Amino acid sequence: MRWLASSPRSSGAPPEVPAGQDHTERLPDGGVRYAFWFAPGDTGRSRHELTAYAVEPDGSAAGLYCSYEELEQHAWARHVWRSLRRGR
């Protein structure tokens, strides 16, 4: 994955994810979900980010980015990630 040059992470490298701040779920139907989260210090204010992906067994995929100010909103971000499902 390549980060956009206008990104605060313009070094071209993905953010370093602290230990224990990523999660992979293998789904019963063969799909997989992966998410990581961290608190970047690039704005001088409290902010948390969750970046997540969901891949269906047929290879179709969706990505999600959530940015939130309060750590207590992390449960909401993970709920949104887990709600990614292909319409049937």
N, C-alpha and C. Protein backbone atom coordinates (compact mmCIF):
# COMPACT_ATOMS: atom_id res chain seq x y z
N MET A 1 0.84 -1.16 0.00
CA MET A 1 0.00 0.00 0.00
C MET A 1 0.90 1.23 0.00
N ARG A 2 0.55 2.21 -0.76
CA ARG A 2 1.33 3.43 -0.84
C ARG A 2 0.50 4.58 -0.32
N TRP A 3 1.04 5.37 0.58
CA TRP A 3 0.32 6.51 1.16
C TRP A 3 0.44 7.69 0.21
N LEU A 4 -0.60 8.52 0.20
CA LEU A 4 -0.60 9.70 -0.66
C LEU A 4 0.44 10.71 -0.20
N ALA A 5 1.02 11.40 -1.15
CA ALA A 5 2.06 12.38 -0.83
C ALA A 5 1.54 13.51 0.05
N SER A 6 0.25 13.81 -0.02
CA SER A 6 -0.30 14.89 0.80
C SER A 6 -0.61 14.44 2.22
N SER A 7 -0.45 13.17 2.48
CA SER A 7 -0.72 12.63 3.81
C SER A 7 0.33 13.09 4.80
N PRO A 8 -0.06 13.25 6.09
CA PRO A 8 0.95 13.55 7.11
C PRO A 8 2.02 12.46 7.17
N ARG A 9 1.69 11.27 6.70
CA ARG A 9 2.64 10.16 6.68
C ARG A 9 3.29 10.08 5.30
N SER A 10 3.73 11.18 4.76
CA SER A 10 4.22 11.23 3.38
C SER A 10 5.54 10.50 3.17
N SER A 11 6.06 9.84 4.17
CA SER A 11 7.30 9.09 3.99
C SER A 11 7.09 7.88 3.09
N GLY A 12 5.85 7.54 2.78
CA GLY A 12 5.57 6.38 1.95
C GLY A 12 5.41 5.11 2.76
N ALA A 13 5.64 5.17 4.04
CA ALA A 13 5.54 3.99 4.91
C ALA A 13 4.22 4.01 5.67
N PRO A 14 3.65 2.85 5.90
CA PRO A 14 2.43 2.82 6.71
C PRO A 14 2.75 3.18 8.15
N PRO A 15 1.74 3.57 8.93
CA PRO A 15 2.00 3.92 10.32
C PRO A 15 2.44 2.70 11.13
N GLU A 16 3.26 2.94 12.14
CA GLU A 16 3.64 1.85 13.04
C GLU A 16 2.47 1.59 13.98
N VAL A 17 2.08 0.35 14.08
CA VAL A 17 0.95 -0.02 14.93
C VAL A 17 1.49 -0.59 16.24
N PRO A 18 1.11 0.02 17.35
CA PRO A 18 1.57 -0.50 18.64
C PRO A 18 1.13 -1.95 18.86
N ALA A 19 1.94 -2.70 19.57
CA ALA A 19 1.60 -4.10 19.87
C ALA A 19 0.22 -4.18 20.51
N GLY A 20 -0.56 -5.14 20.07
CA GLY A 20 -1.89 -5.36 20.62
C GLY A 20 -2.96 -4.45 20.06
N GLN A 21 -2.62 -3.61 19.07
CA GLN A 21 -3.60 -2.70 18.51
C GLN A 21 -3.94 -3.07 17.07
N ASP A 22 -4.03 -4.36 16.83
CA ASP A 22 -4.56 -4.86 15.56
C ASP A 22 -5.34 -6.12 15.85
N HIS A 23 -6.21 -6.47 14.93
CA HIS A 23 -7.08 -7.62 15.16
C HIS A 23 -7.46 -8.24 13.83
N THR A 24 -7.39 -9.56 13.76
CA THR A 24 -7.81 -10.31 12.57
C THR A 24 -8.92 -11.25 12.98
N GLU A 25 -9.97 -11.30 12.17
CA GLU A 25 -11.07 -12.23 12.40
C GLU A 25 -11.26 -13.08 11.16
N ARG A 26 -11.18 -14.37 11.31
CA ARG A 26 -11.53 -15.29 10.22
C ARG A 26 -13.01 -15.59 10.37
N LEU A 27 -13.76 -15.40 9.31
CA LEU A 27 -15.21 -15.56 9.36
C LEU A 27 -15.62 -16.97 8.98
N PRO A 28 -16.72 -17.46 9.55
CA PRO A 28 -17.15 -18.84 9.30
C PRO A 28 -17.36 -19.16 7.81
N ASP A 29 -17.75 -18.16 7.02
CA ASP A 29 -18.01 -18.40 5.60
C ASP A 29 -16.75 -18.33 4.74
N GLY A 30 -15.59 -18.10 5.37
CA GLY A 30 -14.34 -18.04 4.63
C GLY A 30 -13.80 -16.64 4.44
N GLY A 31 -14.54 -15.64 4.81
CA GLY A 31 -14.05 -14.27 4.70
C GLY A 31 -13.08 -13.95 5.83
N VAL A 32 -12.50 -12.77 5.75
CA VAL A 32 -11.56 -12.34 6.80
C VAL A 32 -11.73 -10.84 7.01
N ARG A 33 -11.53 -10.41 8.25
CA ARG A 33 -11.52 -8.99 8.59
C ARG A 33 -10.21 -8.69 9.29
N TYR A 34 -9.68 -7.50 9.01
CA TYR A 34 -8.45 -7.06 9.68
C TYR A 34 -8.60 -5.58 10.01
N ALA A 35 -8.17 -5.19 11.20
CA ALA A 35 -8.21 -3.79 11.61
C ALA A 35 -6.99 -3.46 12.45
N PHE A 36 -6.56 -2.21 12.38
CA PHE A 36 -5.54 -1.71 13.29
C PHE A 36 -5.94 -0.30 13.71
N TRP A 37 -5.47 0.10 14.89
CA TRP A 37 -5.81 1.41 15.42
C TRP A 37 -4.63 1.99 16.17
N PHE A 38 -4.60 3.31 16.21
CA PHE A 38 -3.52 4.01 16.91
C PHE A 38 -3.95 5.46 17.12
N ALA A 39 -3.16 6.19 17.86
CA ALA A 39 -3.42 7.61 18.11
C ALA A 39 -2.27 8.43 17.54
N PRO A 40 -2.45 9.00 16.36
CA PRO A 40 -1.38 9.80 15.77
C PRO A 40 -1.20 11.10 16.56
N GLY A 41 0.00 11.57 16.62
CA GLY A 41 0.28 12.81 17.35
C GLY A 41 0.59 13.96 16.43
N ASP A 42 0.03 13.94 15.22
CA ASP A 42 0.41 14.93 14.21
C ASP A 42 -0.41 16.21 14.22
N THR A 43 -1.46 16.31 15.07
CA THR A 43 -2.30 17.49 15.03
C THR A 43 -2.28 18.30 16.31
N GLY A 44 -1.67 17.75 17.36
CA GLY A 44 -1.64 18.46 18.63
C GLY A 44 -2.92 18.36 19.43
N ARG A 45 -3.86 17.57 18.97
CA ARG A 45 -5.10 17.35 19.73
C ARG A 45 -5.37 15.85 19.78
N SER A 46 -6.20 15.46 20.71
CA SER A 46 -6.52 14.04 20.87
C SER A 46 -7.27 13.53 19.64
N ARG A 47 -6.75 12.45 19.08
CA ARG A 47 -7.42 11.83 17.93
C ARG A 47 -7.00 10.38 17.87
N HIS A 48 -7.92 9.54 17.50
CA HIS A 48 -7.67 8.11 17.35
C HIS A 48 -8.14 7.71 15.95
N GLU A 49 -7.48 6.72 15.39
CA GLU A 49 -7.84 6.25 14.05
C GLU A 49 -7.96 4.74 14.04
N LEU A 50 -8.96 4.25 13.34
CA LEU A 50 -9.10 2.83 13.07
C LEU A 50 -9.15 2.68 11.56
N THR A 51 -8.30 1.83 11.04
CA THR A 51 -8.29 1.50 9.61
C THR A 51 -8.61 0.01 9.53
N ALA A 52 -9.55 -0.35 8.69
CA ALA A 52 -10.02 -1.73 8.68
C ALA A 52 -10.40 -2.18 7.27
N TYR A 53 -10.38 -3.49 7.10
CA TYR A 53 -10.73 -4.12 5.83
C TYR A 53 -11.58 -5.34 6.09
N ALA A 54 -12.45 -5.64 5.16
CA ALA A 54 -13.25 -6.87 5.19
C ALA A 54 -13.18 -7.47 3.80
N VAL A 55 -12.86 -8.76 3.74
CA VAL A 55 -12.74 -9.45 2.45
C VAL A 55 -13.71 -10.63 2.46
N GLU A 56 -14.53 -10.69 1.45
CA GLU A 56 -15.50 -11.78 1.29
C GLU A 56 -14.80 -13.00 0.69
N PRO A 57 -15.41 -14.18 0.82
CA PRO A 57 -14.80 -15.39 0.25
C PRO A 57 -14.53 -15.30 -1.26
N ASP A 58 -15.35 -14.52 -1.99
CA ASP A 58 -15.14 -14.41 -3.44
C ASP A 58 -14.06 -13.39 -3.81
N GLY A 59 -13.45 -12.76 -2.80
CA GLY A 59 -12.38 -11.80 -3.06
C GLY A 59 -12.82 -10.35 -3.07
N SER A 60 -14.14 -10.08 -3.07
CA SER A 60 -14.57 -8.68 -3.00
C SER A 60 -14.20 -8.13 -1.63
N ALA A 61 -13.90 -6.85 -1.59
CA ALA A 61 -13.39 -6.27 -0.35
C ALA A 61 -13.92 -4.85 -0.14
N ALA A 62 -13.88 -4.43 1.11
CA ALA A 62 -14.24 -3.06 1.48
C ALA A 62 -13.24 -2.58 2.51
N GLY A 63 -12.94 -1.30 2.47
CA GLY A 63 -12.06 -0.70 3.45
C GLY A 63 -12.80 0.39 4.21
N LEU A 64 -12.33 0.65 5.42
CA LEU A 64 -13.00 1.60 6.29
C LEU A 64 -11.96 2.39 7.07
N TYR A 65 -12.19 3.67 7.23
CA TYR A 65 -11.34 4.53 8.04
C TYR A 65 -12.24 5.30 8.98
N CYS A 66 -11.98 5.22 10.29
CA CYS A 66 -12.73 5.99 11.28
C CYS A 66 -11.75 6.86 12.05
N SER A 67 -12.10 8.11 12.26
CA SER A 67 -11.31 9.02 13.07
C SER A 67 -12.22 9.54 14.17
N TYR A 68 -11.75 9.46 15.42
CA TYR A 68 -12.59 9.87 16.54
C TYR A 68 -11.72 10.49 17.62
N GLU A 69 -12.32 11.38 18.39
CA GLU A 69 -11.56 12.15 19.37
C GLU A 69 -11.46 11.47 20.72
N GLU A 70 -12.45 10.73 21.13
CA GLU A 70 -12.46 10.13 22.46
C GLU A 70 -12.16 8.63 22.35
N LEU A 71 -11.27 8.14 23.19
CA LEU A 71 -10.92 6.72 23.19
C LEU A 71 -12.16 5.85 23.42
N GLU A 72 -13.12 6.35 24.17
CA GLU A 72 -14.35 5.60 24.44
C GLU A 72 -15.14 5.31 23.16
N GLN A 73 -14.86 6.03 22.08
CA GLN A 73 -15.56 5.81 20.81
C GLN A 73 -14.95 4.66 20.00
N HIS A 74 -13.91 4.04 20.53
CA HIS A 74 -13.27 2.93 19.84
C HIS A 74 -14.26 1.77 19.65
N ALA A 75 -15.07 1.50 20.64
CA ALA A 75 -16.07 0.43 20.52
C ALA A 75 -17.01 0.71 19.35
N TRP A 76 -17.39 1.97 19.17
CA TRP A 76 -18.25 2.35 18.04
C TRP A 76 -17.53 2.06 16.72
N ALA A 77 -16.26 2.45 16.63
CA ALA A 77 -15.51 2.24 15.38
C ALA A 77 -15.41 0.75 15.06
N ARG A 78 -15.13 -0.08 16.06
CA ARG A 78 -15.06 -1.52 15.81
C ARG A 78 -16.43 -2.09 15.43
N HIS A 79 -17.49 -1.55 16.01
CA HIS A 79 -18.84 -2.00 15.63
C HIS A 79 -19.11 -1.68 14.15
N VAL A 80 -18.73 -0.48 13.72
CA VAL A 80 -18.91 -0.11 12.31
C VAL A 80 -18.12 -1.06 11.42
N TRP A 81 -16.88 -1.36 11.79
CA TRP A 81 -16.06 -2.30 11.01
C TRP A 81 -16.73 -3.66 10.91
N ARG A 82 -17.22 -4.17 12.02
CA ARG A 82 -17.85 -5.50 12.01
C ARG A 82 -19.18 -5.51 11.26
N SER A 83 -19.75 -4.34 11.00
CA SER A 83 -21.02 -4.29 10.27
C SER A 83 -20.82 -4.36 8.76
N LEU A 84 -19.58 -4.29 8.28
CA LEU A 84 -19.34 -4.37 6.84
C LEU A 84 -19.72 -5.76 6.33
N ARG A 85 -20.74 -5.78 5.51
CA ARG A 85 -21.20 -7.03 4.92
C ARG A 85 -21.69 -6.75 3.50
N ARG A 86 -21.49 -7.70 2.67
CA ARG A 86 -21.97 -7.58 1.31
C ARG A 86 -23.47 -7.78 1.30
N GLY A 87 -24.20 -6.92 0.60
CA GLY A 87 -25.65 -7.07 0.45
C GLY A 87 -25.96 -8.34 -0.30
N ARG A 88 -26.92 -9.05 0.14
CA ARG A 88 -27.26 -10.32 -0.50
C ARG A 88 -28.56 -10.21 -1.24
